[in-house]
């Protein structure tokens, strides 16, 4: 890019002018400061603790009649002060689990 700007330089255009134009172009490529962790998209909601996700996976395996190793948590979120929703992949089928903070599964259903 700098080379092409230098080649386009005609009479009356100084090397300093070309250099300044290059800096302006490069400044447009700079990114801003990193957002705080709480402002990042991935942390916009509270996820279920790992032990609750695994309890949901076990309940989903029993419900779907598949081996436990074939059920994996895909995502989770806190619904309210004491309940979480865990989305699961049960051997290729999607399932949704609602579990409370004490580990009691209140709902397992296809999603």
C-alpha atoms as a PDB file:
ATOM      1  CA  UNK A   1       0.000   0.000   0.000  1.00  0.00           C
ATOM      2  CA  UNK A   2       2.780   2.436   0.930  1.00  0.00           C
ATOM      3  CA  UNK A   3       4.580   1.539  -2.270  1.00  0.00           C
ATOM      4  CA  UNK A   4       1.506   2.299  -4.367  1.00  0.00           C
ATOM      5  CA  UNK A   5       1.085   5.651  -2.601  1.00  0.00           C
ATOM      6  CA  UNK A   6       4.692   6.511  -3.325  1.00  0.00           C
ATOM      7  CA  UNK A   7       4.262   5.575  -6.975  1.00  0.00           C
ATOM      8  CA  UNK A   8       1.169   7.805  -7.230  1.00  0.00           C
ATOM      9  CA  UNK A   9       3.046  10.743  -5.755  1.00  0.00           C
ATOM     10  CA  UNK A  10       3.305  13.442  -8.343  1.00  0.00           C
ATOM     11  CA  UNK A  11       4.921  16.853  -8.391  1.00  0.00           C
ATOM     12  CA  UNK A  12       3.996  18.934  -5.379  1.00  0.00           C
ATOM     13  CA  UNK A  13       3.250  15.900  -3.129  1.00  0.00           C
ATOM     14  CA  UNK A  14       5.927  15.421  -0.528  1.00  0.00           C
ATOM     15  CA  UNK A  15       7.093  12.155   0.992  1.00  0.00           C
ATOM     16  CA  UNK A  16       5.862  13.533   4.328  1.00  0.00           C
ATOM     17  CA  UNK A  17       2.375  13.932   2.877  1.00  0.00           C
ATOM     18  CA  UNK A  18       2.400  10.363   1.629  1.00  0.00           C
ATOM     19  CA  UNK A  19       3.633   9.153   5.018  1.00  0.00           C
ATOM     20  CA  UNK A  20       0.877  11.078   6.846  1.00  0.00           C
ATOM     21  CA  UNK A  21      -1.770   9.645   4.493  1.00  0.00           C
ATOM     22  CA  UNK A  22      -0.440   6.159   5.230  1.00  0.00           C
ATOM     23  CA  UNK A  23      -0.691   6.751   8.978  1.00  0.00           C
ATOM     24  CA  UNK A  24      -4.292   7.909   8.621  1.00  0.00           C
ATOM     25  CA  UNK A  25      -5.153   4.751   6.682  1.00  0.00           C
ATOM     26  CA  UNK A  26      -3.477   2.552   9.286  1.00  0.00           C
ATOM     27  CA  UNK A  27      -5.214   4.361  12.160  1.00  0.00           C
ATOM     28  CA  UNK A  28      -8.556   3.281  10.723  1.00  0.00           C
ATOM     29  CA  UNK A  29      -7.505  -0.356  11.250  1.00  0.00           C
ATOM     30  CA  UNK A  30      -6.845   0.020  14.977  1.00  0.00           C
ATOM     31  CA  UNK A  31      -9.359  -1.550  17.338  1.00  0.00           C
ATOM     32  CA  UNK A  32     -10.630  -0.071  20.571  1.00  0.00           C
ATOM     33  CA  UNK A  33      -9.958  -1.308  24.079  1.00  0.00           C
ATOM     34  CA  UNK A  34     -11.121  -4.794  25.091  1.00  0.00           C
ATOM     35  CA  UNK A  35     -14.549  -4.851  26.763  1.00  0.00           C
ATOM     36  CA  UNK A  36     -14.752  -5.855  30.411  1.00  0.00           C
ATOM     37  CA  UNK A  37     -15.529  -9.584  30.948  1.00  0.00           C
ATOM     38  CA  UNK A  38     -19.061  -8.819  32.178  1.00  0.00           C
ATOM     39  CA  UNK A  39     -19.732  -6.950  28.920  1.00  0.00           C
ATOM     40  CA  UNK A  40     -18.665  -9.794  26.630  1.00  0.00           C
ATOM     41  CA  UNK A  41     -21.362 -11.722  24.777  1.00  0.00           C
ATOM     42  CA  UNK A  42     -20.339 -15.072  26.207  1.00  0.00           C
ATOM     43  CA  UNK A  43     -20.818 -13.910  29.786  1.00  0.00           C
ATOM     44  CA  UNK A  44     -24.150 -12.123  29.401  1.00  0.00           C
ATOM     45  CA  UNK A  45     -25.888 -14.723  31.562  1.00  0.00           C
ATOM     46  CA  UNK A  46     -24.969 -17.044  34.396  1.00  0.00           C
ATOM     47  CA  UNK A  47     -24.368 -20.667  33.394  1.00  0.00           C
ATOM     48  CA  UNK A  48     -25.321 -23.722  35.431  1.00  0.00           C
ATOM     49  CA  UNK A  49     -22.595 -25.155  37.648  1.00  0.00           C
ATOM     50  CA  UNK A  50     -20.833 -28.189  36.122  1.00  0.00           C
ATOM     51  CA  UNK A  51     -22.250 -30.643  38.670  1.00  0.00           C
ATOM     52  CA  UNK A  52     -25.819 -29.596  37.821  1.00  0.00           C
ATOM     53  CA  UNK A  53     -25.095 -29.923  34.097  1.00  0.00           C
ATOM     54  CA  UNK A  54     -23.829 -33.469  34.673  1.00  0.00           C
ATOM     55  CA  UNK A  55     -26.914 -34.355  36.731  1.00  0.00           C
ATOM     56  CA  UNK A  56     -29.074 -33.155  33.829  1.00  0.00           C
ATOM     57  CA  UNK A  57     -27.002 -35.214  31.387  1.00  0.00           C
ATOM     58  CA  UNK A  58     -27.524 -38.320  33.506  1.00  0.00           C
ATOM     59  CA  UNK A  59     -31.286 -37.704  33.759  1.00  0.00           C
ATOM     60  CA  UNK A  60     -31.481 -37.114  30.004  1.00  0.00           C
ATOM     61  CA  UNK A  61     -29.594 -40.359  29.301  1.00  0.00           C
ATOM     62  CA  UNK A  62     -32.115 -42.295  31.424  1.00  0.00           C
ATOM     63  CA  UNK A  63     -35.047 -40.518  29.784  1.00  0.00           C
ATOM     64  CA  UNK A  64     -33.763 -41.074  26.232  1.00  0.00           C
ATOM     65  CA  UNK A  65     -32.570 -44.611  26.900  1.00  0.00           C
ATOM     66  CA  UNK A  66     -29.027 -43.926  25.707  1.00  0.00           C
ATOM     67  CA  UNK A  67     -25.622 -44.520  27.227  1.00  0.00           C
ATOM     68  CA  UNK A  68     -24.594 -41.697  29.592  1.00  0.00           C
ATOM     69  CA  UNK A  69     -21.358 -41.071  27.689  1.00  0.00           C
ATOM     70  CA  UNK A  70     -23.430 -40.115  24.620  1.00  0.00           C
ATOM     71  CA  UNK A  71     -25.193 -37.217  26.374  1.00  0.00           C
ATOM     72  CA  UNK A  72     -23.315 -33.923  26.541  1.00  0.00           C
ATOM     73  CA  UNK A  73     -24.319 -30.497  27.864  1.00  0.00           C
ATOM     74  CA  UNK A  74     -24.306 -27.968  25.012  1.00  0.00           C
ATOM     75  CA  UNK A  75     -25.292 -24.772  26.837  1.00  0.00           C
ATOM     76  CA  UNK A  76     -26.914 -23.610  30.039  1.00  0.00           C
ATOM     77  CA  UNK A  77     -28.336 -20.517  31.653  1.00  0.00           C
ATOM     78  CA  UNK A  78     -29.753 -19.423  34.955  1.00  0.00           C
ATOM     79  CA  UNK A  79     -33.516 -18.946  34.714  1.00  0.00           C
ATOM     80  CA  UNK A  80     -34.109 -17.353  38.116  1.00  0.00           C
ATOM     81  CA  UNK A  81     -32.605 -17.314  41.607  1.00  0.00           C
ATOM     82  CA  UNK A  82     -32.773 -21.096  42.019  1.00  0.00           C
ATOM     83  CA  UNK A  83     -33.299 -22.741  38.614  1.00  0.00           C
ATOM     84  CA  UNK A  84     -31.187 -23.463  35.559  1.00  0.00           C
ATOM     85  CA  UNK A  85     -31.912 -24.650  32.044  1.00  0.00           C
ATOM     86  CA  UNK A  86     -29.402 -27.026  30.454  1.00  0.00           C
ATOM     87  CA  UNK A  87     -29.503 -27.824  26.737  1.00  0.00           C
ATOM     88  CA  UNK A  88     -28.152 -31.273  25.931  1.00  0.00           C
ATOM     89  CA  UNK A  89     -27.167 -33.371  22.940  1.00  0.00           C
ATOM     90  CA  UNK A  90     -28.396 -36.912  23.621  1.00  0.00           C
ATOM     91  CA  UNK A  91     -26.841 -39.091  20.908  1.00  0.00           C
ATOM     92  CA  UNK A  92     -27.751 -36.528  18.242  1.00  0.00           C
ATOM     93  CA  UNK A  93     -31.119 -35.494  19.684  1.00  0.00           C
ATOM     94  CA  UNK A  94     -31.533 -32.169  21.476  1.00  0.00           C
ATOM     95  CA  UNK A  95     -33.021 -32.192  24.959  1.00  0.00           C
ATOM     96  CA  UNK A  96     -33.766 -29.502  27.500  1.00  0.00           C
ATOM     97  CA  UNK A  97     -33.445 -29.971  31.249  1.00  0.00           C
ATOM     98  CA  UNK A  98     -34.652 -27.723  34.062  1.00  0.00           C
ATOM     99  CA  UNK A  99     -32.820 -28.267  37.344  1.00  0.00           C
ATOM    100  CA  UNK A 100     -32.822 -26.402  40.646  1.00  0.00           C
ATOM    101  CA  UNK A 101     -29.770 -25.344  42.627  1.00  0.00           C
ATOM    102  CA  UNK A 102     -30.123 -28.386  44.901  1.00  0.00           C
ATOM    103  CA  UNK A 103     -29.777 -30.829  42.003  1.00  0.00           C
ATOM    104  CA  UNK A 104     -33.441 -31.761  41.620  1.00  0.00           C
ATOM    105  CA  UNK A 105     -34.393 -32.225  37.959  1.00  0.00           C
ATOM    106  CA  UNK A 106     -37.851 -30.759  37.435  1.00  0.00           C
ATOM    107  CA  UNK A 107     -38.173 -31.256  33.672  1.00  0.00           C
ATOM    108  CA  UNK A 108     -36.591 -33.228  30.835  1.00  0.00           C
ATOM    109  CA  UNK A 109     -38.017 -32.860  27.344  1.00  0.00           C
ATOM    110  CA  UNK A 110     -36.997 -32.835  23.692  1.00  0.00           C
ATOM    111  CA  UNK A 111     -36.146 -29.372  22.379  1.00  0.00           C
END
